[in-house]
Amino acid sequence: MALYSEKVMDHFKNPRNVGTIDNADGVGEVGNAKCGDIMKIYLKIDDDIITDVKFETFGCGSAIASSSMATELIKGKPLKDALELTNKAVAEALDGLPAYKMHCSVLAEQAIKRAIIDYYEKNGIPYDKEAYADREDDET
């Protein structure tokens, strides 16, 4: 059996939504000190809908694939749906990740949430800070 699914390999070799957005409405950046992966997500938001999303990722194939898939899953969606995206949903959409690479999907989830929080803070939109705090136990 292959270590990575065909979807992981496809999103690694042909990542979607790569790049930056000038004057992005929200930007979220996260990193993992243990493995060195860094993800940055850029959002364009109109009427609470994510109309465009781009990413820059420095990391392994799983990190790139997770970033690519996560952006595909939130593009065109309302912010509330994007906030509900979990790392498990990203991994499932990729037809799975090896257990030791699940942290890559966690980074994608966290980067999206940080980008949305950045948008909220720039626009004075209240949100529950406790609900979106990064938690160490999210890496499973």
Protein backbone atom coordinates (compact mmCIF):
# COMPACT_ATOMS: atom_id res chain seq x y z
CA MET A 1 0.00 0.00 0.00
CA ALA A 2 1.24 3.49 -0.85
CA LEU A 3 2.24 5.79 1.98
CA TYR A 4 0.23 8.67 0.47
CA SER A 5 -3.12 8.63 -1.30
CA GLU A 6 -3.54 9.71 -4.91
CA LYS A 7 -5.28 12.88 -3.66
CA VAL A 8 -2.35 13.79 -1.43
CA MET A 9 0.04 13.29 -4.33
CA ASP A 10 -2.18 15.29 -6.70
CA HIS A 11 -2.47 18.25 -4.30
CA PHE A 12 1.29 18.08 -3.65
CA LYS A 13 2.26 17.95 -7.33
CA ASN A 14 -0.52 20.30 -8.53
CA PRO A 15 -1.38 22.54 -5.57
CA ARG A 16 -4.44 24.75 -5.94
CA ASN A 17 -4.62 28.40 -4.83
CA VAL A 18 -0.88 28.96 -4.42
CA GLY A 19 0.25 32.55 -3.99
CA THR A 20 -0.66 35.70 -2.14
CA ILE A 21 -3.53 38.17 -2.20
CA ASP A 22 -2.59 41.84 -2.26
CA ASN A 23 -4.53 43.75 0.39
CA ALA A 24 -5.94 40.52 1.82
CA ASP A 25 -8.85 40.93 4.20
CA GLY A 26 -7.35 38.36 6.55
CA VAL A 27 -3.94 36.68 6.85
CA GLY A 28 -3.05 33.78 9.10
CA GLU A 29 0.39 32.31 9.63
CA VAL A 30 1.33 29.26 11.68
CA GLY A 31 4.34 27.05 12.05
CA ASN A 32 5.47 23.84 13.69
CA ALA A 33 8.86 24.13 15.40
CA LYS A 34 9.31 20.34 15.51
CA CYS A 35 9.15 19.79 11.74
CA GLY A 36 9.80 23.28 10.39
CA ASP A 37 6.55 23.58 8.37
CA ILE A 38 5.21 27.12 7.93
CA MET A 39 1.82 27.99 6.40
CA LYS A 40 0.39 31.34 5.48
CA ILE A 41 -3.24 31.73 4.34
CA TYR A 42 -4.63 34.84 2.64
CA LEU A 43 -8.38 35.54 2.45
CA LYS A 44 -10.53 37.87 0.37
CA ILE A 45 -13.94 38.22 2.00
CA ASP A 46 -17.10 39.84 0.62
CA ASP A 47 -20.35 39.83 2.63
CA ASP A 48 -18.99 37.10 4.96
CA ILE A 49 -18.16 34.84 1.98
CA ILE A 50 -14.60 33.75 1.21
CA THR A 51 -14.39 34.84 -2.42
CA ASP A 52 -10.69 34.08 -2.82
CA VAL A 53 -8.07 32.22 -0.83
CA LYS A 54 -4.37 31.68 -1.44
CA PHE A 55 -1.57 30.04 0.48
CA GLU A 56 2.17 29.92 0.81
CA THR A 57 3.61 26.85 2.51
CA PHE A 58 7.17 25.95 3.32
CA GLY A 59 7.19 22.32 4.26
CA CYS A 60 6.79 18.72 3.30
CA GLY A 61 4.43 17.24 0.72
CA SER A 62 1.75 16.62 3.35
CA ALA A 63 1.87 20.27 4.43
CA ILE A 64 1.52 21.49 0.86
CA ALA A 65 -1.30 19.02 0.13
CA SER A 66 -3.10 19.98 3.36
CA SER A 67 -2.85 23.68 2.51
CA SER A 68 -4.12 23.10 -1.01
CA MET A 69 -7.05 20.92 0.06
CA ALA A 70 -8.02 23.24 2.92
CA THR A 71 -8.20 26.23 0.56
CA GLU A 72 -10.38 24.24 -1.82
CA LEU A 73 -12.72 23.29 1.03
CA ILE A 74 -13.33 26.90 2.14
CA LYS A 75 -13.32 28.80 -1.16
CA GLY A 76 -16.76 30.27 -1.84
CA LYS A 77 -18.00 29.35 1.65
CA PRO A 78 -19.37 31.55 4.44
CA LEU A 79 -16.93 32.39 7.25
CA LYS A 80 -18.93 30.33 9.74
CA ASP A 81 -18.40 27.22 7.58
CA ALA A 82 -14.68 27.92 7.26
CA LEU A 83 -14.41 28.29 11.04
CA GLU A 84 -15.95 24.83 11.43
CA LEU A 85 -13.37 23.18 9.16
CA THR A 86 -11.37 20.65 11.16
CA ASN A 87 -8.01 19.07 10.54
CA LYS A 88 -9.78 15.71 10.38
CA ALA A 89 -12.01 16.98 7.55
CA VAL A 90 -8.91 18.11 5.64
CA ALA A 91 -7.23 14.73 6.15
CA GLU A 92 -10.42 12.87 5.13
CA ALA A 93 -10.75 14.99 1.98
CA LEU A 94 -7.20 13.89 1.11
CA ASP A 95 -8.20 10.25 1.64
CA GLY A 96 -6.07 10.16 4.76
CA LEU A 97 -2.64 11.14 6.00
CA PRO A 98 -0.12 9.00 7.87
CA ALA A 99 -0.55 9.47 11.63
CA TYR A 100 2.83 11.17 11.95
CA LYS A 101 1.75 13.74 9.31
CA MET A 102 -1.60 14.72 10.87
CA HIS A 103 0.05 17.84 12.30
CA CYS A 104 0.07 19.20 8.72
CA SER A 105 -3.73 19.18 8.61
CA VAL A 106 -3.76 20.82 12.05
CA LEU A 107 -1.60 23.64 10.69
CA ALA A 108 -4.04 24.17 7.80
CA GLU A 109 -6.99 24.40 10.21
CA GLN A 110 -5.11 26.80 12.49
CA ALA A 111 -3.91 29.03 9.64
CA ILE A 112 -7.47 29.42 8.34
CA LYS A 113 -8.79 30.28 11.79
CA ARG A 114 -5.99 32.80 12.33
CA ALA A 115 -6.76 34.44 8.98
CA ILE A 116 -10.44 34.76 9.89
CA ILE A 117 -9.55 36.12 13.35
CA ASP A 118 -7.25 38.63 11.64
CA TYR A 119 -10.20 39.72 9.48
CA TYR A 120 -12.43 40.03 12.56
CA GLU A 121 -9.84 42.07 14.44
CA LYS A 122 -9.14 44.41 11.49
CA ASN A 123 -12.87 45.07 11.17
CA GLY A 124 -13.78 45.26 14.86
CA ILE A 125 -16.00 42.18 14.63
CA PRO A 126 -16.41 40.48 18.04
CA TYR A 127 -15.64 36.76 18.34
CA ASP A 128 -15.18 34.22 21.13
CA LYS A 129 -11.41 34.26 21.71
CA GLU A 130 -11.57 31.15 23.90
CA ALA A 131 -13.26 29.13 21.15
CA TYR A 132 -10.45 29.83 18.68
CA ALA A 133 -7.39 29.57 20.88
CA ASP A 134 -4.82 27.12 19.53
CA ARG A 135 -4.69 24.01 21.66
CA GLU A 136 -1.85 21.53 21.86
CA ASP A 137 -4.30 18.61 21.92
CA ASP A 138 -5.60 19.52 18.43
CA GLU A 139 -2.79 17.54 16.83
CA THR A 140 -4.63 14.24 16.80
